[in-house]
Amino acid sequence: MKLPRCNTGSMMQQLESLVVCRILVKKTLNYVLRNPVRTLLCLVVATICFGSVLYVNRETLEDCKGKKSLNNKYMCLYHQTGFMNLEHILNYTVEEDVFKAVDVHSPMWITATTHTTVDRLHHLIPLSSNWDGPVSVAVFTPGEDVFVAKAFITFLRNIFPTITQNFSFHFLHVSPAPFETKNRPESFVDEEVSDEAKNSKFPVDILDTLLQQRSPSFIAERQKLWLPLNHIRNVAVKFVKTDYMFLLDVDILPKSGLHSKFVSLVERVEQNAAIKSPWALVVPTYEVEKGLPPPDSIKTLLNAVQEGKARQIHQVHFPPCQHATNHKKWEEYNMELPPQTDLHITYKVNYEDGYEPYYIAKLPIPKFSEQLVGYCRDKSSQAYSMYVNGYNYYVIDQAFNTHNGLEISRPDDWEIQCVLNLLVYKNVVKMSIESSVKE
């Protein structure tokens, strides 16, 4: 289906109005609700803003390739399509097994896949404690970030044996300048890692030391990039060596001791004719009040939920991404469940648009859409692709993931990314997925 053309200036005016309205409404909602007149005015403005129907013209992506500088390409794409599609600006190079897991894993095992930027590598430490199966980690390493990644991962492997044994790291490099990998900065000193380790500093402090060694000019350019999250996810999935994978984000922590139980469950699912294939086994995910230890049992988690210290992840900012899992139903089921050793499937998910589950599945799976850049609707495009390709989602009992911290607010650029990705998802990605299935 060919999307209608639209006037660039007119579209951008609508787009900017929509984004500004979303941010202003969010920041002033508490204030305006104190006065009925202000409330009415706010509703009128919001209706005008959100009532705008915007279209993304796919043909304009080609028009920006001829621009000479990276900045000009960015501005061209931003003004013509309303988002920075890195796939049409930057060139990527994937480096497999920069650090390779020492242990050899059975094909029947389940590999956790995760992705990260260098400033979040410390999140892998709790994962290495809770997950004793293989892990495929994709690291986004533009420019000088690659030196931070190599130094800190070396440190992690020296300190944490499970990371050496089970974690494989793959790098996603970027060009052109200033993001291509150049010579090592003279200011960058690996020795600081070992010196700080000897002083028993926290790993996050060591990481901060490494991050501060990047040049100011690179950092300034780096901050302009929206992350190609789906491209990084695809790298992590691509290099899985087992038959099954477990989708995670780097700040999502599975309950400890689940790997062997997942393997046992998958073996039983494969032999169960009642479970319709292809399938994906969903692990409910909660955000937990910052400072609380990650729950280590169903009882601890349910108590935290009852006390308001845990809730469905993204419940405040984007409920649809986890709503279909039906956390309330899962909680009620597990509340009545006597202690058991094995995991089981509880119920089938009624798929809803926008769904972004964390799941176990047999490879291969549909790819994550690399047309979506940044946050919001990034995982849901792949979940939708699975759905239209006949996947059935089933929720597992007793197993859960947690995220450290209740979401209270999001930065304004997250709002902008959400609006832009929603446009691309509805007008480009979703139609492309549906067309591929029909063909």
Protein backbone atom coordinates (compact mmCIF):
# COMPACT_ATOMS: atom_id res chain seq x y z
CA MET A 1 0.00 0.00 0.00
CA LYS A 2 1.45 3.34 -1.04
CA LEU A 3 1.28 5.98 1.65
CA PRO A 4 -0.01 9.42 0.69
CA ARG A 5 2.46 12.21 0.17
CA CYS A 6 2.32 15.16 2.48
CA ASN A 7 3.80 18.62 2.63
CA THR A 8 7.04 18.48 4.67
CA GLY A 9 6.57 21.81 6.38
CA SER A 10 2.95 21.14 7.21
CA MET A 11 3.76 17.68 8.55
CA MET A 12 6.56 18.95 10.75
CA GLN A 13 4.35 21.70 12.15
CA GLN A 14 1.76 19.07 13.10
CA LEU A 15 4.44 16.78 14.48
CA GLU A 16 6.06 19.47 16.61
CA SER A 17 2.65 20.55 17.88
CA LEU A 18 1.79 16.99 18.81
CA VAL A 19 5.04 16.41 20.69
CA VAL A 20 4.91 19.75 22.48
CA CYS A 21 1.32 19.17 23.51
CA ARG A 22 2.11 15.73 24.95
CA ILE A 23 4.96 17.11 27.02
CA LEU A 24 3.06 20.17 28.22
CA VAL A 25 -0.01 18.15 29.13
CA LYS A 26 2.11 15.71 31.13
CA LYS A 27 3.95 18.43 33.02
CA THR A 28 0.93 20.60 33.80
CA LEU A 29 -1.83 18.05 34.36
CA ASN A 30 -1.82 18.32 38.15
CA TYR A 31 -1.99 22.10 37.92
CA VAL A 32 -4.85 22.42 35.45
CA LEU A 33 -7.06 19.86 37.15
CA ARG A 34 -7.41 22.21 40.12
CA ASN A 35 -9.55 24.55 38.04
CA PRO A 36 -12.55 23.46 35.88
CA VAL A 37 -11.90 26.16 33.26
CA ARG A 38 -8.26 25.15 32.91
CA THR A 39 -9.31 21.51 32.70
CA LEU A 40 -11.72 22.23 29.83
CA LEU A 41 -9.10 24.28 27.99
CA CYS A 42 -6.55 21.49 28.42
CA LEU A 43 -8.97 18.93 26.98
CA VAL A 44 -9.68 21.12 23.94
CA VAL A 45 -5.97 21.63 23.24
CA ALA A 46 -5.21 17.93 23.75
CA THR A 47 -8.02 16.95 21.38
CA ILE A 48 -6.64 19.22 18.67
CA CYS A 49 -3.12 17.92 19.15
CA PHE A 50 -3.86 14.23 19.34
CA GLY A 51 -6.47 14.42 16.61
CA SER A 52 -3.82 15.19 13.99
CA VAL A 53 -3.38 12.33 11.54
CA LEU A 54 0.25 12.14 10.37
CA TYR A 55 1.74 10.03 7.62
CA VAL A 56 5.30 8.91 7.01
CA ASN A 57 6.29 8.86 3.37
CA ARG A 58 8.72 5.99 2.84
CA GLU A 59 9.98 7.43 -0.47
CA THR A 60 11.59 10.40 1.28
CA LEU A 61 14.08 8.09 2.99
CA GLU A 62 15.90 7.72 -0.33
CA ASP A 63 16.08 11.47 -0.84
CA CYS A 64 18.39 11.95 2.14
CA LYS A 65 21.10 9.49 1.17
CA GLY A 66 22.82 12.04 -1.06
CA LYS A 67 23.50 14.50 1.73
CA LYS A 68 27.22 14.82 2.39
CA SER A 69 27.51 15.18 6.15
CA LEU A 70 26.00 13.00 8.85
CA ASN A 71 24.30 16.02 10.39
CA ASN A 72 22.70 17.00 7.08
CA LYS A 73 21.44 13.45 6.59
CA TYR A 74 19.99 13.51 10.08
CA MET A 75 18.26 16.85 9.59
CA CYS A 76 16.93 15.78 6.20
CA LEU A 77 15.38 12.63 7.62
CA TYR A 78 14.08 14.41 10.67
CA HIS A 79 12.35 17.12 8.62
CA GLN A 80 11.01 14.76 5.99
CA THR A 81 9.93 11.80 8.05
CA GLY A 82 9.91 13.05 11.62
CA PHE A 83 12.42 10.54 12.97
CA MET A 84 16.08 9.62 12.74
CA ASN A 85 16.22 6.33 10.84
CA LEU A 86 19.81 5.31 11.49
CA GLU A 87 19.52 2.48 8.98
CA HIS A 88 19.59 5.07 6.18
CA ILE A 89 22.37 7.20 7.67
CA LEU A 90 24.93 4.98 9.31
CA ASN A 91 26.81 1.89 8.29
CA TYR A 92 27.02 -0.95 10.78
CA THR A 93 29.69 -3.58 11.23
CA VAL A 94 29.05 -6.57 13.48
CA GLU A 95 31.96 -8.23 15.30
CA GLU A 96 31.02 -11.67 16.59
CA ASP A 97 32.45 -13.20 19.77
CA VAL A 98 34.72 -10.33 20.74
CA PHE A 99 34.68 -12.18 24.06
CA LYS A 100 33.51 -15.77 23.79
CA ALA A 101 31.99 -17.92 26.53
CA VAL A 102 34.42 -20.57 27.72
CA ASP A 103 31.82 -23.25 28.42
CA VAL A 104 30.26 -25.32 25.63
CA HIS A 105 26.48 -25.42 25.99
CA SER A 106 24.00 -28.11 24.95
CA PRO A 107 21.69 -27.18 22.02
CA MET A 108 18.72 -27.93 24.32
CA TRP A 109 19.79 -25.21 26.73
CA ILE A 110 18.23 -21.76 26.63
CA THR A 111 20.34 -18.70 25.83
CA ALA A 112 19.35 -15.39 27.41
CA THR A 113 19.69 -12.59 24.84
CA THR A 114 20.29 -9.04 25.93
CA HIS A 115 21.70 -5.81 24.53
CA THR A 116 23.32 -2.77 26.04
CA THR A 117 25.26 0.42 25.63
CA VAL A 118 28.61 0.71 27.39
CA ASP A 119 27.28 2.87 30.22
CA ARG A 120 24.93 0.05 31.32
CA LEU A 121 27.33 -2.87 31.23
CA HIS A 122 27.27 -3.11 35.04
CA HIS A 123 23.70 -4.48 34.83
CA LEU A 124 25.22 -7.76 33.64
CA ILE A 125 26.61 -8.47 37.11
CA PRO A 126 23.28 -9.39 38.79
CA LEU A 127 22.28 -11.30 35.65
CA SER A 128 25.43 -13.43 35.97
CA SER A 129 24.41 -14.25 39.53
CA ASN A 130 20.79 -15.20 38.76
CA TRP A 131 21.15 -16.91 35.37
CA ASP A 132 23.43 -19.94 35.07
CA GLY A 133 22.79 -20.63 31.40
CA PRO A 134 24.43 -19.14 28.30
CA VAL A 135 24.02 -15.43 27.52
CA SER A 136 24.40 -13.62 24.20
CA VAL A 137 25.16 -9.94 24.76
CA ALA A 138 25.14 -7.38 21.94
CA VAL A 139 26.95 -4.15 22.80
CA PHE A 140 26.49 -0.90 20.86
CA THR A 141 30.04 0.42 20.39
CA PRO A 142 30.18 3.60 18.31
CA GLY A 143 33.58 5.29 18.21
CA GLU A 144 35.42 5.51 21.52
CA ASP A 145 32.79 3.43 23.29
CA VAL A 146 34.52 0.32 21.99
CA PHE A 147 37.54 0.99 24.22
CA VAL A 148 35.31 1.35 27.27
CA ALA A 149 33.53 -1.90 26.37
CA LYS A 150 36.72 -3.92 25.93
CA ALA A 151 38.30 -2.62 29.14
CA PHE A 152 35.25 -3.09 31.35
CA ILE A 153 34.28 -6.50 29.96
CA THR A 154 37.86 -7.64 30.55
CA PHE A 155 37.50 -6.48 34.14
CA LEU A 156 34.17 -8.30 34.54
CA ARG A 157 35.61 -11.52 33.18
CA ASN A 158 38.52 -11.32 35.60
CA ILE A 159 36.26 -10.79 38.63
CA PHE A 160 33.12 -12.81 37.83
CA PRO A 161 33.76 -16.42 36.69
CA THR A 162 30.19 -16.94 35.46
CA ILE A 163 30.61 -14.11 32.96
CA THR A 164 33.74 -15.77 31.60
CA GLN A 165 32.05 -19.15 31.44
CA ASN A 166 28.62 -18.25 30.05
CA PHE A 167 28.63 -14.80 28.42
CA SER A 168 29.51 -14.15 24.78
CA PHE A 169 29.87 -10.52 23.70
CA HIS A 170 29.24 -9.20 20.19
CA PHE A 171 29.90 -5.60 19.13
CA LEU A 172 27.89 -3.39 16.80
CA HIS A 173 30.31 -0.81 15.35
CA VAL A 174 29.20 2.31 13.49
CA SER A 175 30.52 4.56 10.74
CA PRO A 176 30.98 7.24 9.36
CA ALA A 177 32.87 9.70 11.55
CA PRO A 178 32.63 10.64 14.36
CA PHE A 179 31.28 7.19 15.27
CA GLU A 180 33.69 4.95 13.42
CA THR A 181 36.35 3.29 15.56
CA LYS A 182 39.58 5.25 15.30
CA ASN A 183 42.88 4.95 17.06
CA ARG A 184 42.79 4.54 20.79
CA PRO A 185 42.65 7.95 22.57
CA GLU A 186 45.94 8.80 24.28
CA SER A 187 44.02 9.66 27.46
CA PHE A 188 42.54 6.16 27.66
CA VAL A 189 44.38 4.07 30.23
CA ASP A 190 43.40 0.46 30.91
CA GLU A 191 45.64 0.27 33.91
CA GLU A 192 43.17 2.31 35.91
CA VAL A 193 40.82 -0.67 35.86
CA SER A 194 43.21 -3.00 37.63
CA ASP A 195 44.31 -0.28 40.06
CA GLU A 196 40.73 0.48 41.03
CA ALA A 197 39.92 -3.22 41.33
CA LYS A 198 42.75 -3.62 43.81
CA ASN A 199 41.22 -0.84 45.89
CA SER A 200 37.93 -2.80 45.98
CA LYS A 201 35.91 -0.07 44.30
CA PHE A 202 32.44 -0.87 43.10
CA PRO A 203 32.28 -1.97 39.44
CA VAL A 204 30.02 0.96 38.58
CA ASP A 205 32.73 3.35 39.82
CA ILE A 206 35.26 1.65 37.60
CA LEU A 207 32.90 1.96 34.66
CA ASP A 208 32.43 5.67 35.40
CA THR A 209 36.20 6.10 35.37
CA LEU A 210 36.40 4.54 31.94
CA LEU A 211 33.48 6.56 30.57
CA GLN A 212 35.11 9.79 31.67
CA GLN A 213 38.17 9.02 29.55
CA ARG A 214 36.23 9.49 26.32
CA SER A 215 36.88 12.78 24.53
CA PRO A 216 34.37 15.62 25.06
CA SER A 217 33.86 16.00 21.30
CA PHE A 218 32.89 12.34 20.94
CA ILE A 219 30.56 12.46 23.92
CA ALA A 220 28.78 15.49 22.45
CA GLU A 221 28.17 13.69 19.16
CA ARG A 222 27.31 10.42 20.89
CA GLN A 223 24.50 12.06 22.87
CA LYS A 224 22.73 13.00 19.64
CA LEU A 225 22.26 9.39 18.61
CA TRP A 226 19.01 7.59 19.14
CA LEU A 227 19.80 3.97 19.89
CA PRO A 228 19.16 1.38 17.15
CA LEU A 229 17.73 -0.95 19.80
CA ASN A 230 16.18 -3.44 17.41
CA HIS A 231 19.36 -3.73 15.38
CA ILE A 232 21.29 -4.50 18.57
CA ARG A 233 18.65 -7.06 19.61
CA ASN A 234 18.97 -8.79 16.25
CA VAL A 235 22.72 -9.09 16.74
CA ALA A 236 22.24 -10.77 20.13
CA VAL A 237 19.71 -13.24 18.70
CA LYS A 238 21.75 -13.94 15.57
CA PHE A 239 24.68 -15.41 17.49
CA VAL A 240 22.74 -17.68 19.84
CA LYS A 241 24.30 -21.15 19.70
CA THR A 242 21.40 -23.08 21.30
CA ASP A 243 18.01 -24.02 19.88
CA TYR A 244 16.08 -21.79 22.29
CA MET A 245 16.39 -18.20 23.44
CA PHE A 246 15.07 -16.09 26.32
CA LEU A 247 14.44 -12.44 25.41
CA LEU A 248 15.61 -9.90 28.02
CA ASP A 249 16.66 -6.27 28.31
CA VAL A 250 19.87 -5.52 30.16
CA ASP A 251 18.04 -4.04 33.18
CA ILE A 252 15.57 -6.95 33.41
CA LEU A 253 16.57 -9.58 35.96
CA PRO A 254 15.04 -13.09 35.97
CA LYS A 255 14.35 -14.80 39.27
CA SER A 256 17.38 -16.88 40.28
CA GLY A 257 17.61 -20.57 39.42
CA LEU A 258 15.27 -20.55 36.42
CA HIS A 259 17.49 -21.89 33.65
CA SER A 260 17.29 -25.59 34.46
CA LYS A 261 13.56 -25.28 35.17
CA PHE A 262 13.01 -23.56 31.82
CA VAL A 263 14.89 -26.34 30.04
CA SER A 264 12.70 -28.97 31.72
CA LEU A 265 9.54 -27.03 30.87
CA VAL A 266 10.52 -26.64 27.21
CA GLU A 267 11.15 -30.39 26.92
CA ARG A 268 7.63 -31.08 28.22
CA VAL A 269 6.07 -28.40 26.01
CA GLU A 270 7.67 -29.91 22.90
CA GLN A 271 6.02 -33.23 23.72
CA ASN A 272 2.62 -31.76 24.57
CA ALA A 273 0.25 -31.87 21.61
CA ALA A 274 -2.14 -29.50 23.39
CA ILE A 275 0.41 -26.66 23.16
CA LYS A 276 0.02 -25.26 19.69
CA SER A 277 3.23 -24.56 17.81
CA PRO A 278 4.84 -22.16 17.17
CA TRP A 279 4.77 -20.97 20.76
CA ALA A 280 6.36 -18.37 23.02
CA LEU A 281 6.45 -18.82 26.79
CA VAL A 282 5.88 -15.51 28.57
CA VAL A 283 7.62 -14.60 31.82
CA PRO A 284 5.65 -11.91 33.75
CA THR A 285 7.79 -8.87 34.54
CA TYR A 286 7.51 -6.45 37.45
CA GLU A 287 9.13 -3.21 38.45
CA VAL A 288 10.13 -3.15 42.12
CA GLU A 289 10.68 -0.19 44.43
CA LYS A 290 14.27 1.01 44.21
CA GLY A 291 16.44 -0.21 47.05
CA LEU A 292 14.45 -3.38 47.69
CA PRO A 293 16.34 -6.64 47.11
CA PRO A 294 15.04 -8.46 44.02
CA PRO A 295 12.27 -10.85 45.15
CA ASP A 296 13.56 -14.42 45.37
CA SER A 297 10.19 -16.16 45.69
CA ILE A 298 6.56 -15.87 44.61
CA LYS A 299 5.59 -15.05 48.20
CA THR A 300 8.06 -12.18 48.43
CA LEU A 301 6.92 -10.77 45.10
CA LEU A 302 3.20 -11.00 45.89
CA ASN A 303 3.76 -9.35 49.26
CA ALA A 304 5.56 -6.48 47.53
CA VAL A 305 2.65 -6.13 45.08
CA GLN A 306 0.11 -5.99 47.93
CA GLU A 307 2.20 -3.34 49.70
CA GLY A 308 2.43 -1.21 46.56
CA LYS A 309 6.17 -1.81 46.25
CA ALA A 310 5.94 -3.82 43.02
CA ARG A 311 3.73 -3.61 39.95
CA GLN A 312 3.51 -4.60 36.29
CA ILE A 313 6.44 -3.07 34.44
CA HIS A 314 5.62 0.13 32.50
CA GLN A 315 2.22 0.24 34.20
CA VAL A 316 2.34 4.03 34.44
CA HIS A 317 3.89 5.09 31.14
CA PHE A 318 2.83 2.42 28.66
CA PRO A 319 0.41 -0.18 30.12
CA PRO A 320 -0.40 -1.88 26.77
CA CYS A 321 3.10 -3.32 26.48
CA GLN A 322 2.45 -5.83 29.28
CA HIS A 323 -1.32 -5.71 29.76
CA ALA A 324 -2.07 -8.85 27.74
CA THR A 325 0.00 -10.95 30.16
CA ASN A 326 -2.73 -10.24 32.74
CA HIS A 327 -0.57 -9.92 35.86
CA LYS A 328 -3.62 -9.90 38.12
CA LYS A 329 -4.73 -13.30 36.85
CA TRP A 330 -1.18 -14.64 37.21
CA GLU A 331 -0.94 -13.34 40.79
CA GLU A 332 -4.26 -14.94 41.78
CA TYR A 333 -3.22 -18.24 40.22
CA ASN A 334 0.13 -18.34 42.03
CA MET A 335 -1.39 -17.21 45.31
CA GLU A 336 -3.39 -20.45 45.45
CA LEU A 337 -0.60 -22.62 44.09
CA PRO A 338 1.14 -25.00 46.54
CA PRO A 339 4.96 -25.04 46.39
CA GLN A 340 6.15 -27.01 43.36
CA THR A 341 9.48 -27.93 41.81
CA ASP A 342 8.48 -27.85 38.14
CA LEU A 343 7.18 -24.92 36.13
CA HIS A 344 3.93 -25.16 34.19
CA ILE A 345 1.91 -23.19 31.67
CA THR A 346 -1.00 -21.39 33.29
CA TYR A 347 -3.05 -19.89 30.44
CA LYS A 348 -2.92 -18.62 26.88
CA VAL A 349 -2.49 -14.90 26.24
CA ASN A 350 -5.15 -12.96 24.36
CA TYR A 351 -2.85 -10.89 22.17
CA GLU A 352 -3.28 -7.10 22.20
CA ASP A 353 -1.63 -4.55 19.92
CA GLY A 354 1.40 -2.98 21.57
CA TYR A 355 2.29 -6.16 23.47
CA GLU A 356 5.98 -6.42 24.43
CA PRO A 357 6.48 -9.64 26.41
CA TYR A 358 9.70 -11.16 27.68
CA TYR A 359 9.55 -14.72 26.44
CA ILE A 360 11.24 -18.05 25.65
CA ALA A 361 10.97 -19.29 22.07
CA LYS A 362 12.52 -21.76 19.67
CA LEU A 363 14.78 -20.29 17.00
CA PRO A 364 14.48 -18.91 14.43
CA ILE A 365 12.08 -16.11 15.32
CA PRO A 366 10.92 -13.12 13.24
CA LYS A 367 13.46 -10.29 13.28
CA PHE A 368 13.01 -7.06 15.18
CA SER A 369 12.15 -4.21 12.82
CA GLU A 370 15.22 -2.06 12.31
CA GLN A 371 13.10 0.74 10.86
CA LEU A 372 12.18 1.66 14.45
CA VAL A 373 14.91 3.63 16.20
CA GLY A 374 14.97 4.56 19.86
CA TYR A 375 12.44 3.66 22.52
CA CYS A 376 8.74 2.84 22.29
CA ARG A 377 7.08 0.30 19.99
CA ASP A 378 10.48 -1.27 19.39
CA LYS A 379 9.75 -4.74 20.82
CA SER A 380 6.02 -4.65 20.02
CA SER A 381 6.70 -4.71 16.28
CA GLN A 382 8.44 -8.08 16.64
CA ALA A 383 5.74 -9.44 18.96
CA TYR A 384 3.14 -8.43 16.38
CA SER A 385 5.12 -10.16 13.65
CA MET A 386 5.13 -13.33 15.75
CA TYR A 387 1.39 -13.02 16.31
CA VAL A 388 0.46 -12.65 12.64
CA ASN A 389 2.81 -15.54 11.83
CA GLY A 390 0.74 -17.81 14.04
CA TYR A 391 2.65 -17.79 17.33
CA ASN A 392 0.72 -18.61 20.49
CA TYR A 393 1.74 -16.89 23.71
CA TYR A 394 1.48 -18.87 26.97
CA VAL A 395 2.23 -17.57 30.48
CA ILE A 396 4.47 -19.57 32.83
CA ASP A 397 3.63 -19.98 36.51
CA GLN A 398 6.11 -19.30 39.37
CA ALA A 399 8.68 -17.62 37.09
CA PHE A 400 9.09 -13.86 36.90
CA ASN A 401 11.47 -11.02 36.01
CA THR A 402 12.06 -7.79 37.89
CA HIS A 403 13.25 -4.29 37.09
CA ASN A 404 14.96 -2.25 39.82
CA GLY A 405 12.90 0.88 40.44
CA LEU A 406 9.31 2.06 39.96
CA GLU A 407 9.01 4.27 36.88
CA ILE A 408 8.02 7.76 37.94
CA SER A 409 8.97 9.93 34.99
CA ARG A 410 10.56 9.77 31.58
CA PRO A 411 12.78 12.33 29.82
CA ASP A 412 11.13 14.53 27.20
CA ASP A 413 13.05 12.93 24.34
CA TRP A 414 11.41 9.63 25.27
CA GLU A 415 8.04 11.25 24.57
CA ILE A 416 9.32 12.45 21.20
CA GLN A 417 10.70 9.03 20.29
CA CYS A 418 7.38 7.44 21.25
CA VAL A 419 5.37 9.72 18.99
CA LEU A 420 7.71 9.25 16.05
CA ASN A 421 8.01 5.49 16.45
CA LEU A 422 4.25 5.17 16.71
CA LEU A 423 3.91 6.90 13.34
CA VAL A 424 6.48 4.65 11.73
CA TYR A 425 5.03 1.53 13.34
CA LYS A 426 1.46 2.22 12.19
CA ASN A 427 2.24 3.56 8.72
CA VAL A 428 5.27 1.54 7.67
CA VAL A 429 6.25 -1.41 9.85
CA LYS A 430 2.83 -2.85 10.60
CA MET A 431 1.73 -2.75 6.97
CA SER A 432 5.02 -4.33 5.91
CA ILE A 433 4.54 -7.19 8.38
CA GLU A 434 0.98 -7.81 7.23
CA SER A 435 2.01 -7.72 3.57
CA SER A 436 4.79 -10.26 4.11
CA VAL A 437 2.36 -12.67 5.74
CA LYS A 438 -0.17 -12.34 2.90
CA GLU A 439 2.55 -13.05 0.37
